[in-house]
Amino acid sequence: VPRRSIWKGSFVDAFLLKMRRVINREGESCRKIWSRRSSIPPELVDRFVQIYNGKTFVRCKITEGKVGHKFGEFAFARKRHIKIYGAPRTEGRRGKGRR
């Protein structure tokens, strides 16, 4: 289900449009992309890109299934919270005999 009007087309930043022409001329292997809001164009299929997640660049291979999605969907910007389960505590913080 498209969330954007069809007559508008998909959103791609201006520098990505310029990069599109450069990629077609030169066969560059890996490009850095800061625009997480841009849609992935079909010209980038079977190429590697580095998507900025706010801290580092995440390497991602563009496949046909990713075309039309946003770059930001494939570079998570938040850390996953991992809960560590340890041995259950039998005593309180202060110890057995203190109050």
PDB file of N, CA and C in Angstrom:
ATOM      1  N   VAL A   1       0.850  -1.169   0.000  1.00  0.00           N
ATOM      2  CA  VAL A   1       0.000   0.000   0.000  1.00  0.00           C
ATOM      3  C   VAL A   1       0.900   1.238   0.000  1.00  0.00           C
ATOM      4  N   PRO A   2       0.886   2.018  -1.056  1.00  0.00           N
ATOM      5  CA  PRO A   2       1.725   3.217  -1.084  1.00  0.00           C
ATOM      6  C   PRO A   2       1.207   4.272  -0.114  1.00  0.00           C
ATOM      7  N   ARG A   3       2.100   4.885   0.635  1.00  0.00           N
ATOM      8  CA  ARG A   3       1.711   5.909   1.601  1.00  0.00           C
ATOM      9  C   ARG A   3       1.883   7.300   1.036  1.00  0.00           C
ATOM     10  N   ARG A   4       2.428   7.398  -0.134  1.00  0.00           N
ATOM     11  CA  ARG A   4       2.667   8.688  -0.754  1.00  0.00           C
ATOM     12  C   ARG A   4       1.848   8.736  -2.034  1.00  0.00           C
ATOM     13  N   SER A   5       1.396   9.913  -2.411  1.00  0.00           N
ATOM     14  CA  SER A   5       0.609  10.046  -3.635  1.00  0.00           C
ATOM     15  C   SER A   5       1.397   9.539  -4.834  1.00  0.00           C
ATOM     16  N   ILE A   6       0.739   8.822  -5.708  1.00  0.00           N
ATOM     17  CA  ILE A   6       1.407   8.237  -6.865  1.00  0.00           C
ATOM     18  C   ILE A   6       1.919   9.325  -7.799  1.00  0.00           C
ATOM     19  N   TRP A   7       1.178  10.425  -7.937  1.00  0.00           N
ATOM     20  CA  TRP A   7       1.600  11.467  -8.864  1.00  0.00           C
ATOM     21  C   TRP A   7       2.883  12.160  -8.409  1.00  0.00           C
ATOM     22  N   LYS A   8       3.187  12.102  -7.094  1.00  0.00           N
ATOM     23  CA  LYS A   8       4.416  12.712  -6.596  1.00  0.00           C
ATOM     24  C   LYS A   8       5.641  11.851  -6.891  1.00  0.00           C
ATOM     25  N   GLY A   9       5.487  10.557  -6.924  1.00  0.00           N
ATOM     26  CA  GLY A   9       6.633   9.670  -7.119  1.00  0.00           C
ATOM     27  C   GLY A   9       7.370   9.442  -5.812  1.00  0.00           C
ATOM     28  N   SER A  10       8.392   8.618  -5.854  1.00  0.00           N
ATOM     29  CA  SER A  10       9.145   8.335  -4.636  1.00  0.00           C
ATOM     30  C   SER A  10      10.165   9.442  -4.387  1.00  0.00           C
ATOM     31  N   PHE A  11      10.472   9.676  -3.115  1.00  0.00           N
ATOM     32  CA  PHE A  11      11.376  10.763  -2.746  1.00  0.00           C
ATOM     33  C   PHE A  11      12.817  10.294  -2.822  1.00  0.00           C
ATOM     34  N   VAL A  12      13.633  11.030  -3.557  1.00  0.00           N
ATOM     35  CA  VAL A  12      15.071  10.778  -3.631  1.00  0.00           C
ATOM     36  C   VAL A  12      15.764  12.130  -3.523  1.00  0.00           C
ATOM     37  N   ASP A  13      16.741  12.239  -2.625  1.00  0.00           N
ATOM     38  CA  ASP A  13      17.482  13.494  -2.464  1.00  0.00           C
ATOM     39  C   ASP A  13      18.218  13.871  -3.743  1.00  0.00           C
ATOM     40  N   ALA A  14      18.454  15.162  -3.914  1.00  0.00           N
ATOM     41  CA  ALA A  14      19.078  15.669  -5.141  1.00  0.00           C
ATOM     42  C   ALA A  14      20.483  15.111  -5.342  1.00  0.00           C
ATOM     43  N   PHE A  15      21.243  14.964  -4.252  1.00  0.00           N
ATOM     44  CA  PHE A  15      22.604  14.463  -4.434  1.00  0.00           C
ATOM     45  C   PHE A  15      22.602  12.997  -4.862  1.00  0.00           C
ATOM     46  N   LEU A  16      21.546  12.251  -4.493  1.00  0.00           N
ATOM     47  CA  LEU A  16      21.452  10.860  -4.940  1.00  0.00           C
ATOM     48  C   LEU A  16      21.146  10.788  -6.430  1.00  0.00           C
ATOM     49  N   LEU A  17      20.371  11.752  -6.925  1.00  0.00           N
ATOM     50  CA  LEU A  17      20.107  11.790  -8.365  1.00  0.00           C
ATOM     51  C   LEU A  17      21.402  12.051  -9.124  1.00  0.00           C
ATOM     52  N   LYS A  18      22.240  12.938  -8.575  1.00  0.00           N
ATOM     53  CA  LYS A  18      23.527  13.219  -9.206  1.00  0.00           C
ATOM     54  C   LYS A  18      24.446  11.998  -9.103  1.00  0.00           C
ATOM     55  N   MET A  19      24.387  11.321  -7.959  1.00  0.00           N
ATOM     56  CA  MET A  19      25.203  10.130  -7.761  1.00  0.00           C
ATOM     57  C   MET A  19      24.788   9.020  -8.723  1.00  0.00           C
ATOM     58  N   ARG A  20      23.509   8.978  -9.047  1.00  0.00           N
ATOM     59  CA  ARG A  20      22.988   7.993  -9.987  1.00  0.00           C
ATOM     60  C   ARG A  20      23.720   8.076 -11.324  1.00  0.00           C
ATOM     61  N   ARG A  21      23.892   9.309 -11.814  1.00  0.00           N
ATOM     62  CA  ARG A  21      24.574   9.505 -13.095  1.00  0.00           C
ATOM     63  C   ARG A  21      26.044   9.112 -12.997  1.00  0.00           C
ATOM     64  N   VAL A  22      26.655   9.417 -11.864  1.00  0.00           N
ATOM     65  CA  VAL A  22      28.065   9.071 -11.670  1.00  0.00           C
ATOM     66  C   VAL A  22      28.242   7.560 -11.627  1.00  0.00           C
ATOM     67  N   ILE A  23      27.334   6.861 -10.946  1.00  0.00           N
ATOM     68  CA  ILE A  23      27.428   5.406 -10.837  1.00  0.00           C
ATOM     69  C   ILE A  23      27.258   4.758 -12.204  1.00  0.00           C
ATOM     70  N   ASN A  24      26.370   5.297 -13.026  1.00  0.00           N
ATOM     71  CA  ASN A  24      26.169   4.719 -14.345  1.00  0.00           C
ATOM     72  C   ASN A  24      27.425   4.853 -15.205  1.00  0.00           C
ATOM     73  N   ARG A  25      28.166   5.952 -15.044  1.00  0.00           N
ATOM     74  CA  ARG A  25      29.391   6.139 -15.828  1.00  0.00           C
ATOM     75  C   ARG A  25      30.541   5.316 -15.256  1.00  0.00           C
ATOM     76  N   GLU A  26      30.757   5.443 -13.961  1.00  0.00           N
ATOM     77  CA  GLU A  26      31.842   4.717 -13.307  1.00  0.00           C
ATOM     78  C   GLU A  26      31.232   3.550 -12.542  1.00  0.00           C
ATOM     79  N   GLY A  27      31.915   2.471 -12.455  1.00  0.00           N
ATOM     80  CA  GLY A  27      31.415   1.327 -11.691  1.00  0.00           C
ATOM     81  C   GLY A  27      31.910   1.351 -10.265  1.00  0.00           C
ATOM     82  N   GLU A  28      31.536   2.356  -9.491  1.00  0.00           N
ATOM     83  CA  GLU A  28      32.012   2.465  -8.116  1.00  0.00           C
ATOM     84  C   GLU A  28      31.404   1.358  -7.268  1.00  0.00           C
ATOM     85  N   SER A  29      32.199   0.833  -6.357  1.00  0.00           N
ATOM     86  CA  SER A  29      31.758  -0.327  -5.600  1.00  0.00           C
ATOM     87  C   SER A  29      30.944   0.039  -4.359  1.00  0.00           C
ATOM     88  N   CYS A  30      31.368   1.047  -3.597  1.00  0.00           N
ATOM     89  CA  CYS A  30      30.697   1.334  -2.331  1.00  0.00           C
ATOM     90  C   CYS A  30      30.574   2.844  -2.140  1.00  0.00           C
ATOM     91  N   ARG A  31      29.368   3.331  -1.928  1.00  0.00           N
ATOM     92  CA  ARG A  31      29.113   4.760  -1.760  1.00  0.00           C
ATOM     93  C   ARG A  31      28.586   5.018  -0.358  1.00  0.00           C
ATOM     94  N   LYS A  32      28.956   6.169   0.223  1.00  0.00           N
ATOM     95  CA  LYS A  32      28.449   6.563   1.535  1.00  0.00           C
ATOM     96  C   LYS A  32      27.188   7.390   1.343  1.00  0.00           C
ATOM     97  N   ILE A  33      26.163   7.055   2.131  1.00  0.00           N
ATOM     98  CA  ILE A  33      24.873   7.727   2.009  1.00  0.00           C
ATOM     99  C   ILE A  33      24.453   8.221   3.393  1.00  0.00           C
ATOM    100  N   TRP A  34      24.210   9.525   3.490  1.00  0.00           N
ATOM    101  CA  TRP A  34      23.730  10.122   4.740  1.00  0.00           C
ATOM    102  C   TRP A  34      22.213  10.266   4.734  1.00  0.00           C
ATOM    103  N   SER A  35      21.588  10.202   3.591  1.00  0.00           N
ATOM    104  CA  SER A  35      20.153  10.442   3.468  1.00  0.00           C
ATOM    105  C   SER A  35      19.377   9.157   3.736  1.00  0.00           C
ATOM    106  N   ARG A  36      18.940   8.981   4.989  1.00  0.00           N
ATOM    107  CA  ARG A  36      18.168   7.792   5.349  1.00  0.00           C
ATOM    108  C   ARG A  36      16.730   7.892   4.862  1.00  0.00           C
ATOM    109  N   ARG A  37      16.283   9.109   4.540  1.00  0.00           N
ATOM    110  CA  ARG A  37      14.887   9.327   4.161  1.00  0.00           C
ATOM    111  C   ARG A  37      14.627   9.063   2.686  1.00  0.00           C
ATOM    112  N   SER A  38      15.670   8.896   1.892  1.00  0.00           N
ATOM    113  CA  SER A  38      15.506   8.701   0.453  1.00  0.00           C
ATOM    114  C   SER A  38      15.097   7.269   0.133  1.00  0.00           C
ATOM    115  N   SER A  39      14.316   7.120  -0.926  1.00  0.00           N
ATOM    116  CA  SER A  39      13.945   5.791  -1.410  1.00  0.00           C
ATOM    117  C   SER A  39      15.100   5.197  -2.200  1.00  0.00           C
ATOM    118  N   ILE A  40      15.173   3.887  -2.220  1.00  0.00           N
ATOM    119  CA  ILE A  40      16.247   3.209  -2.935  1.00  0.00           C
ATOM    120  C   ILE A  40      15.869   3.093  -4.403  1.00  0.00           C
ATOM    121  N   PRO A  41      16.658   3.678  -5.309  1.00  0.00           N
ATOM    122  CA  PRO A  41      16.353   3.603  -6.739  1.00  0.00           C
ATOM    123  C   PRO A  41      16.814   2.268  -7.332  1.00  0.00           C
ATOM    124  N   PRO A  42      16.200   1.837  -8.435  1.00  0.00           N
ATOM    125  CA  PRO A  42      16.580   0.550  -9.039  1.00  0.00           C
ATOM    126  C   PRO A  42      17.980   0.539  -9.648  1.00  0.00           C
ATOM    127  N   GLU A  43      18.596   1.697  -9.852  1.00  0.00           N
ATOM    128  CA  GLU A  43      19.942   1.738 -10.430  1.00  0.00           C
ATOM    129  C   GLU A  43      21.006   1.210  -9.472  1.00  0.00           C
ATOM    130  N   LEU A  44      20.682   1.117  -8.190  1.00  0.00           N
ATOM    131  CA  LEU A  44      21.659   0.672  -7.196  1.00  0.00           C
ATOM    132  C   LEU A  44      21.599  -0.825  -6.913  1.00  0.00           C
ATOM    133  N   VAL A  45      20.809  -1.579  -7.664  1.00  0.00           N
ATOM    134  CA  VAL A  45      20.677  -3.018  -7.428  1.00  0.00           C
ATOM    135  C   VAL A  45      22.029  -3.692  -7.651  1.00  0.00           C
ATOM    136  N   ASP A  46      22.350  -4.646  -6.792  1.00  0.00           N
ATOM    137  CA  ASP A  46      23.596  -5.420  -6.803  1.00  0.00           C
ATOM    138  C   ASP A  46      24.828  -4.562  -6.519  1.00  0.00           C
ATOM    139  N   ARG A  47      24.665  -3.480  -5.781  1.00  0.00           N
ATOM    140  CA  ARG A  47      25.793  -2.648  -5.365  1.00  0.00           C
ATOM    141  C   ARG A  47      25.789  -2.554  -3.842  1.00  0.00           C
ATOM    142  N   PHE A  48      26.944  -2.269  -3.302  1.00  0.00           N
ATOM    143  CA  PHE A  48      27.068  -2.070  -1.865  1.00  0.00           C
ATOM    144  C   PHE A  48      27.051  -0.581  -1.562  1.00  0.00           C
ATOM    145  N   VAL A  49      26.322  -0.196  -0.509  1.00  0.00           N
ATOM    146  CA  VAL A  49      26.300   1.185  -0.048  1.00  0.00           C
ATOM    147  C   VAL A  49      26.582   1.178   1.451  1.00  0.00           C
ATOM    148  N   GLN A  50      27.049   2.309   1.949  1.00  0.00           N
ATOM    149  CA  GLN A  50      27.247   2.484   3.379  1.00  0.00           C
ATOM    150  C   GLN A  50      26.262   3.538   3.847  1.00  0.00           C
ATOM    151  N   ILE A  51      25.348   3.144   4.735  1.00  0.00           N
ATOM    152  CA  ILE A  51      24.275   4.014   5.200  1.00  0.00           C
ATOM    153  C   ILE A  51      24.625   4.504   6.603  1.00  0.00           C
ATOM    154  N   TYR A  52      24.525   5.814   6.813  1.00  0.00           N
ATOM    155  CA  TYR A  52      24.872   6.419   8.097  1.00  0.00           C
ATOM    156  C   TYR A  52      23.736   6.219   9.083  1.00  0.00           C
ATOM    157  N   ASN A  53      24.048   5.690  10.276  1.00  0.00           N
ATOM    158  CA  ASN A  53      23.005   5.462  11.273  1.00  0.00           C
ATOM    159  C   ASN A  53      23.043   6.488  12.401  1.00  0.00           C
ATOM    160  N   GLY A  54      23.824   7.554  12.240  1.00  0.00           N
ATOM    161  CA  GLY A  54      23.945   8.582  13.260  1.00  0.00           C
ATOM    162  C   GLY A  54      25.247   8.503  14.013  1.00  0.00           C
ATOM    163  N   LYS A  55      25.924   7.370  13.919  1.00  0.00           N
ATOM    164  CA  LYS A  55      27.197   7.186  14.611  1.00  0.00           C
ATOM    165  C   LYS A  55      28.250   6.607  13.670  1.00  0.00           C
ATOM    166  N   THR A  56      27.903   5.553  12.974  1.00  0.00           N
ATOM    167  CA  THR A  56      28.831   4.895  12.055  1.00  0.00           C
ATOM    168  C   THR A  56      28.114   4.600  10.742  1.00  0.00           C
ATOM    169  N   PHE A  57      28.857   4.087   9.789  1.00  0.00           N
ATOM    170  CA  PHE A  57      28.272   3.676   8.515  1.00  0.00           C
ATOM    171  C   PHE A  57      28.052   2.170   8.531  1.00  0.00           C
ATOM    172  N   VAL A  58      26.868   1.752   8.105  1.00  0.00           N
ATOM    173  CA  VAL A  58      26.512   0.343   8.056  1.00  0.00           C
ATOM    174  C   VAL A  58      26.540  -0.094   6.599  1.00  0.00           C
ATOM    175  N   ARG A  59      27.294  -1.151   6.307  1.00  0.00           N
ATOM    176  CA  ARG A  59      27.416  -1.641   4.934  1.00  0.00           C
ATOM    177  C   ARG A  59      26.180  -2.469   4.596  1.00  0.00           C
ATOM    178  N   CYS A  60      25.638  -2.247   3.414  1.00  0.00           N
ATOM    179  CA  CYS A  60      24.401  -2.914   3.013  1.00  0.00           C
ATOM    180  C   CYS A  60      24.437  -3.192   1.518  1.00  0.00           C
ATOM    181  N   LYS A  61      24.041  -4.401   1.126  1.00  0.00           N
ATOM    182  CA  LYS A  61      23.950  -4.731  -0.295  1.00  0.00           C
ATOM    183  C   LYS A  61      22.514  -4.493  -0.742  1.00  0.00           C
ATOM    184  N   ILE A  62      22.356  -3.771  -1.842  1.00  0.00           N
ATOM    185  CA  ILE A  62      21.030  -3.463  -2.360  1.00  0.00           C
ATOM    186  C   ILE A  62      20.587  -4.602  -3.276  1.00  0.00           C
ATOM    187  N   THR A  63      19.449  -5.203  -2.951  1.00  0.00           N
ATOM    188  CA  THR A  63      18.867  -6.256  -3.780  1.00  0.00           C
ATOM    189  C   THR A  63      17.555  -5.751  -4.365  1.00  0.00           C
ATOM    190  N   GLU A  64      16.964  -6.538  -5.239  1.00  0.00           N
ATOM    191  CA  GLU A  64      15.712  -6.115  -5.880  1.00  0.00           C
ATOM    192  C   GLU A  64      14.583  -5.951  -4.876  1.00  0.00           C
ATOM    193  N   GLY A  65      14.596  -6.719  -3.812  1.00  0.00           N
ATOM    194  CA  GLY A  65      13.556  -6.620  -2.795  1.00  0.00           C
ATOM    195  C   GLY A  65      13.601  -5.331  -1.993  1.00  0.00           C
ATOM    196  N   LYS A  66      14.743  -4.665  -1.983  1.00  0.00           N
ATOM    197  CA  LYS A  66      14.898  -3.430  -1.211  1.00  0.00           C
ATOM    198  C   LYS A  66      14.544  -2.185  -2.014  1.00  0.00           C
ATOM    199  N   VAL A  67      14.368  -2.316  -3.311  1.00  0.00           N
ATOM    200  CA  VAL A  67      14.049  -1.166  -4.161  1.00  0.00           C
ATOM    201  C   VAL A  67      12.683  -0.615  -3.758  1.00  0.00           C
ATOM    202  N   GLY A  68      12.593   0.698  -3.580  1.00  0.00           N
ATOM    203  CA  GLY A  68      11.344   1.340  -3.179  1.00  0.00           C
ATOM    204  C   GLY A  68      11.254   1.589  -1.689  1.00  0.00           C
ATOM    205  N   HIS A  69      12.050   0.875  -0.898  1.00  0.00           N
ATOM    206  CA  HIS A  69      12.085   1.113   0.540  1.00  0.00           C
ATOM    207  C   HIS A  69      13.014   2.291   0.823  1.00  0.00           C
ATOM    208  N   LYS A  70      13.070   2.712   2.076  1.00  0.00           N
ATOM    209  CA  LYS A  70      13.950   3.811   2.470  1.00  0.00           C
ATOM    210  C   LYS A  70      15.297   3.244   2.924  1.00  0.00           C
ATOM    211  N   PHE A  71      16.364   4.024   2.739  1.00  0.00           N
ATOM    212  CA  PHE A  71      17.691   3.586   3.161  1.00  0.00           C
ATOM    213  C   PHE A  71      17.741   3.361   4.668  1.00  0.00           C
ATOM    214  N   GLY A  72      17.038   4.186   5.431  1.00  0.00           N
ATOM    215  CA  GLY A  72      17.079   4.099   6.884  1.00  0.00           C
ATOM    216  C   GLY A  72      16.502   2.824   7.458  1.00  0.00           C
ATOM    217  N   GLU A  73      15.709   2.101   6.670  1.00  0.00           N
ATOM    218  CA  GLU A  73      15.130   0.851   7.159  1.00  0.00           C
ATOM    219  C   GLU A  73      16.183  -0.232   7.338  1.00  0.00           C
ATOM    220  N   PHE A  74      17.331  -0.077   6.703  1.00  0.00           N
ATOM    221  CA  PHE A  74      18.337  -1.130   6.703  1.00  0.00           C
ATOM    222  C   PHE A  74      19.567  -0.770   7.515  1.00  0.00           C
ATOM    223  N   ALA A  75      19.535   0.355   8.215  1.00  0.00           N
ATOM    224  CA  ALA A  75      20.623   0.740   9.119  1.00  0.00           C
ATOM    225  C   ALA A  75      19.978   1.214  10.414  1.00  0.00           C
ATOM    226  N   PHE A  76      19.900   0.335  11.390  1.00  0.00           N
ATOM    227  CA  PHE A  76      19.231   0.661  12.636  1.00  0.00           C
ATOM    228  C   PHE A  76      20.005   1.730  13.394  1.00  0.00           C
ATOM    229  N   ALA A  77      19.284   2.724  13.911  1.00  0.00           N
ATOM    230  CA  ALA A  77      19.913   3.858  14.578  1.00  0.00           C
ATOM    231  C   ALA A  77      19.920   3.696  16.095  1.00  0.00           C
ATOM    232  N   ARG A  78      19.250   2.695  16.607  1.00  0.00           N
ATOM    233  CA  ARG A  78      19.169   2.509  18.053  1.00  0.00           C
ATOM    234  C   ARG A  78      19.781   1.177  18.448  1.00  0.00           C
ATOM    235  N   LYS A  79      20.350   1.156  19.641  1.00  0.00           N
ATOM    236  CA  LYS A  79      20.915  -0.086  20.143  1.00  0.00           C
ATOM    237  C   LYS A  79      19.790  -0.994  20.615  1.00  0.00           C
ATOM    238  N   ARG A  80      20.010  -2.278  20.448  1.00  0.00           N
ATOM    239  CA  ARG A  80      19.041  -3.239  20.965  1.00  0.00           C
ATOM    240  C   ARG A  80      19.303  -3.451  22.447  1.00  0.00           C
ATOM    241  N   HIS A  81      18.241  -3.479  23.227  1.00  0.00           N
ATOM    242  CA  HIS A  81      18.373  -3.709  24.658  1.00  0.00           C
ATOM    243  C   HIS A  81      18.375  -5.207  24.892  1.00  0.00           C
ATOM    244  N   ILE A  82      19.460  -5.711  25.456  1.00  0.00           N
ATOM    245  CA  ILE A  82      19.570  -7.140  25.729  1.00  0.00           C
ATOM    246  C   ILE A  82      19.563  -7.323  27.237  1.00  0.00           C
ATOM    247  N   LYS A  83      18.573  -8.055  27.721  1.00  0.00           N
ATOM    248  CA  LYS A  83      18.475  -8.294  29.150  1.00  0.00           C
ATOM    249  C   LYS A  83      19.317  -9.510  29.507  1.00  0.00           C
ATOM    250  N   ILE A  84      20.161  -9.350  30.513  1.00  0.00           N
ATOM    251  CA  ILE A  84      21.038 -10.436  30.942  1.00  0.00           C
ATOM    252  C   ILE A  84      20.438 -11.047  32.198  1.00  0.00           C
ATOM    253  N   TYR A  85      20.186 -12.341  32.104  1.00  0.00           N
ATOM    254  CA  TYR A  85      19.633 -13.058  33.240  1.00  0.00           C
ATOM    255  C   TYR A  85      20.780 -13.714  34.005  1.00  0.00           C
ATOM    256  N   GLY A  86      20.896 -13.396  35.286  1.00  0.00           N
ATOM    257  CA  GLY A  86      21.944 -13.974  36.117  1.00  0.00           C
ATOM    258  C   GLY A  86      21.324 -14.863  37.181  1.00  0.00           C
ATOM    259  N   ALA A  87      22.146 -15.299  38.101  1.00  0.00           N
ATOM    260  CA  ALA A  87      21.653 -16.111  39.207  1.00  0.00           C
ATOM    261  C   ALA A  87      20.811 -15.222  40.127  1.00  0.00           C
ATOM    262  N   PRO A  88      19.689 -15.728  40.629  1.00  0.00           N
ATOM    263  CA  PRO A  88      18.836 -14.904  41.503  1.00  0.00           C
ATOM    264  C   PRO A  88      19.535 -14.607  42.826  1.00  0.00           C
ATOM    265  N   ARG A  89      19.301 -13.414  43.358  1.00  0.00           N
ATOM    266  CA  ARG A  89      19.910 -13.016  44.621  1.00  0.00           C
ATOM    267  C   ARG A  89      19.112 -13.603  45.776  1.00  0.00           C
ATOM    268  N   THR A  90      19.841 -14.096  46.765  1.00  0.00           N
ATOM    269  CA  THR A  90      19.162 -14.646  47.940  1.00  0.00           C
ATOM    270  C   THR A  90      19.174 -13.652  49.093  1.00  0.00           C
ATOM    271  N   GLU A  91      20.159 -12.763  49.120  1.00  0.00           N
ATOM    272  CA  GLU A  91      20.262 -11.785  50.192  1.00  0.00           C
ATOM    273  C   GLU A  91      20.082 -10.390  49.620  1.00  0.00           C
ATOM    274  N   GLY A  92      19.833  -9.449  50.518  1.00  0.00           N
ATOM    275  CA  GLY A  92      19.717  -8.066  50.104  1.00  0.00           C
ATOM    276  C   GLY A  92      21.084  -7.452  49.827  1.00  0.00           C
ATOM    277  N   ARG A  93      21.108  -6.154  49.620  1.00  0.00           N
ATOM    278  CA  ARG A  93      22.367  -5.473  49.322  1.00  0.00           C
ATOM    279  C   ARG A  93      23.307  -5.418  50.522  1.00  0.00           C
ATOM    280  N   ARG A  94      22.740  -5.218  51.698  1.00  0.00           N
ATOM    281  CA  ARG A  94      23.570  -4.960  52.877  1.00  0.00           C
ATOM    282  C   ARG A  94      24.132  -6.244  53.488  1.00  0.00           C
ATOM    283  N   GLY A  95      23.621  -7.354  53.164  1.00  0.00           N
ATOM    284  CA  GLY A  95      24.115  -8.590  53.756  1.00  0.00           C
ATOM    285  C   GLY A  95      23.112  -9.169  54.733  1.00  0.00           C
ATOM    286  N   LYS A  96      23.540 -10.212  55.406  1.00  0.00           N
ATOM    287  CA  LYS A  96      22.621 -10.982  56.225  1.00  0.00           C
ATOM    288  C   LYS A  96      22.323 -10.331  57.578  1.00  0.00           C
ATOM    289  N   GLY A  97      23.359  -9.906  58.323  1.00  0.00           N
ATOM    290  CA  GLY A  97      23.145  -9.472  59.696  1.00  0.00           C
ATOM    291  C   GLY A  97      22.935  -7.981  59.883  1.00  0.00           C
ATOM    292  N   ARG A  98      23.107  -7.143  58.891  1.00  0.00           N
ATOM    293  CA  ARG A  98      23.009  -5.689  59.060  1.00  0.00           C
ATOM    294  C   ARG A  98      21.601  -5.194  58.828  1.00  0.00           C
ATOM    295  N   ARG A  99      21.284  -4.055  59.477  1.00  0.00           N
ATOM    296  CA  ARG A  99      19.974  -3.443  59.248  1.00  0.00           C
ATOM    297  C   ARG A  99      20.119  -2.048  58.857  1.00  0.00           C
TER     298      ARG A  99
END
